[in-house]
Amino acid sequence: MSTVDGLDADASVGDYGAQLLPGGTVNPYQLRVDKDAVYFVRDVVRSGEPLAAICHGPWTLIEAGVVGGRTLTSFPSIRTDLRNAGADVVDQDVVVDGNLITSRSPDDLPGFCDTIMANSASNSTQGEVTS
């Protein structure tokens, strides 16, 4: 049985080494309509701490207003949403733009996980785009 360790309303930037926005459709939808989660994501991105999002996870980034001018990737069905929010969308396994790490789908998990680990440890990803 899973347990909840804390609530997004109680989380603070700096509490964690990195943040991960889950994929799928249900979890990203639930996060993007939760104002506390959206504010937290916005604050994490603005702080420069690493934040990773896979599949539909970037929906919350759109809601937080932090994708404009950033290079990202995602599941194909939300790429128009990202473009409409001002992102430069590319079709690559993993994209790193500053502190944002994005990936397309579960097929890309090995590279996505490796990139998260590398960037969480170094926290020096400014301007790097990898595939």
Protein backbone atom coordinates (compact mmCIF):
# COMPACT_ATOMS: atom_id res chain seq x y z
CA MET A 1 0.00 0.00 0.00
CA SER A 2 1.30 3.47 -0.89
CA THR A 3 1.27 6.38 1.50
CA VAL A 4 1.43 10.11 0.95
CA ASP A 5 4.56 11.68 2.43
CA GLY A 6 3.30 15.25 2.24
CA LEU A 7 1.00 17.65 0.49
CA ASP A 8 1.99 19.98 -2.33
CA ALA A 9 0.65 22.90 -0.28
CA ASP A 10 3.29 22.11 2.37
CA ALA A 11 6.23 21.70 -0.04
CA SER A 12 8.89 24.37 -0.34
CA VAL A 13 11.47 25.04 -3.01
CA GLY A 14 14.74 23.63 -1.76
CA ASP A 15 13.15 20.70 0.08
CA TYR A 16 14.25 18.29 -2.66
CA GLY A 17 17.22 17.87 -5.02
CA ALA A 18 14.99 17.76 -8.09
CA GLN A 19 11.32 17.56 -9.03
CA LEU A 20 9.62 15.08 -11.38
CA LEU A 21 6.31 15.67 -13.12
CA PRO A 22 4.78 12.29 -13.98
CA GLY A 23 3.49 11.24 -17.36
CA GLY A 24 0.27 9.61 -18.43
CA THR A 25 -2.86 11.71 -18.75
CA VAL A 26 -4.58 11.48 -15.35
CA ASN A 27 -1.75 12.57 -13.04
CA PRO A 28 -0.63 15.56 -15.15
CA TYR A 29 -4.26 16.65 -15.45
CA GLN A 30 -4.74 16.45 -11.67
CA LEU A 31 -1.58 18.49 -11.08
CA ARG A 32 -2.40 21.20 -13.60
CA VAL A 33 -5.77 21.91 -11.98
CA ASP A 34 -4.29 22.05 -8.45
CA LYS A 35 -3.31 25.68 -7.81
CA ASP A 36 -0.84 24.75 -5.05
CA ALA A 37 0.92 22.28 -7.36
CA VAL A 38 1.04 24.84 -10.17
CA TYR A 39 2.49 27.54 -7.89
CA PHE A 40 5.06 25.10 -6.54
CA VAL A 41 6.14 24.03 -10.05
CA ARG A 42 6.41 27.67 -11.12
CA ASP A 43 8.54 28.49 -8.08
CA VAL A 44 10.82 25.47 -8.64
CA VAL A 45 11.42 26.41 -12.28
CA ARG A 46 12.10 30.04 -11.38
CA SER A 47 14.50 28.95 -8.62
CA GLY A 48 16.74 27.12 -11.07
CA GLU A 49 16.37 23.76 -9.34
CA PRO A 50 16.15 20.77 -11.72
CA LEU A 51 12.65 19.81 -12.81
CA ALA A 52 11.96 16.84 -15.07
CA ALA A 53 8.74 16.11 -16.96
CA ILE A 54 7.87 13.18 -19.19
CA CYS A 55 5.01 12.41 -21.58
CA HIS A 56 2.06 14.68 -20.61
CA GLY A 57 3.95 16.08 -17.59
CA PRO A 58 4.68 19.38 -19.37
CA TRP A 59 0.97 20.23 -19.13
CA THR A 60 1.70 21.48 -15.61
CA LEU A 61 4.60 23.56 -16.94
CA ILE A 62 2.18 25.19 -19.39
CA GLU A 63 -0.26 25.95 -16.59
CA ALA A 64 2.59 27.41 -14.51
CA GLY A 65 3.48 29.77 -17.37
CA VAL A 66 7.12 28.70 -17.58
CA VAL A 67 7.50 27.23 -21.09
CA GLY A 68 7.74 30.43 -23.16
CA GLY A 69 11.07 30.59 -24.97
CA ARG A 70 12.15 27.17 -23.68
CA THR A 71 13.06 24.14 -25.81
CA LEU A 72 11.08 21.06 -24.74
CA THR A 73 9.83 17.70 -25.90
CA SER A 74 6.72 15.77 -24.90
CA PHE A 75 4.22 13.15 -25.93
CA PRO A 76 3.05 14.07 -29.44
CA SER A 77 -0.54 14.90 -28.45
CA ILE A 78 0.44 17.91 -26.30
CA ARG A 79 3.04 19.45 -28.60
CA THR A 80 0.52 21.93 -30.02
CA ASP A 81 -0.32 23.01 -26.46
CA LEU A 82 3.38 23.62 -25.79
CA ARG A 83 3.83 25.60 -29.01
CA ASN A 84 0.74 27.69 -28.24
CA ALA A 85 2.29 28.49 -24.85
CA GLY A 86 5.48 29.72 -26.54
CA ALA A 87 7.77 26.70 -26.31
CA ASP A 88 10.13 25.53 -29.04
CA VAL A 89 9.15 21.87 -29.37
CA VAL A 90 11.55 19.25 -30.73
CA ASP A 91 11.15 15.51 -31.28
CA GLN A 92 14.09 14.11 -29.29
CA ASP A 93 14.37 11.42 -26.61
CA VAL A 94 15.50 13.87 -23.93
CA VAL A 95 15.85 17.65 -23.99
CA VAL A 96 17.65 19.72 -21.37
CA ASP A 97 17.01 23.47 -21.40
CA GLY A 98 18.42 25.17 -18.34
CA ASN A 99 16.90 23.45 -15.34
CA LEU A 100 14.11 21.76 -17.35
CA ILE A 101 14.54 18.16 -18.45
CA THR A 102 11.81 16.77 -20.71
CA SER A 103 11.21 13.46 -22.44
CA ARG A 104 8.59 12.04 -24.80
CA SER A 105 7.37 8.71 -23.45
CA PRO A 106 8.16 5.60 -21.40
CA ASP A 107 10.20 4.33 -24.37
CA ASP A 108 12.71 7.08 -23.53
CA LEU A 109 13.00 6.24 -19.81
CA PRO A 110 16.62 4.95 -19.81
CA GLY A 111 18.02 8.19 -21.23
CA PHE A 112 15.55 10.31 -19.25
CA CYS A 113 16.55 8.70 -15.94
CA ASP A 114 20.27 8.97 -16.73
CA THR A 115 19.85 12.65 -17.61
CA ILE A 116 17.91 13.39 -14.42
CA MET A 117 20.61 11.75 -12.31
CA ALA A 118 23.42 13.57 -14.10
CA ASN A 119 21.74 16.96 -13.86
CA SER A 120 20.51 16.54 -10.30
CA ALA A 121 24.06 15.89 -9.19
CA SER A 122 25.67 18.74 -11.11
CA ASN A 123 22.78 21.23 -11.27
CA SER A 124 24.63 22.89 -14.17
CA THR A 125 22.45 22.42 -17.25
CA GLN A 126 22.18 25.97 -18.55
CA GLY A 127 21.61 26.03 -22.30
CA GLU A 128 22.32 22.34 -22.91
CA VAL A 129 20.09 20.41 -25.33
CA THR A 130 20.82 16.69 -25.67
CA SER A 131 19.25 13.78 -27.47
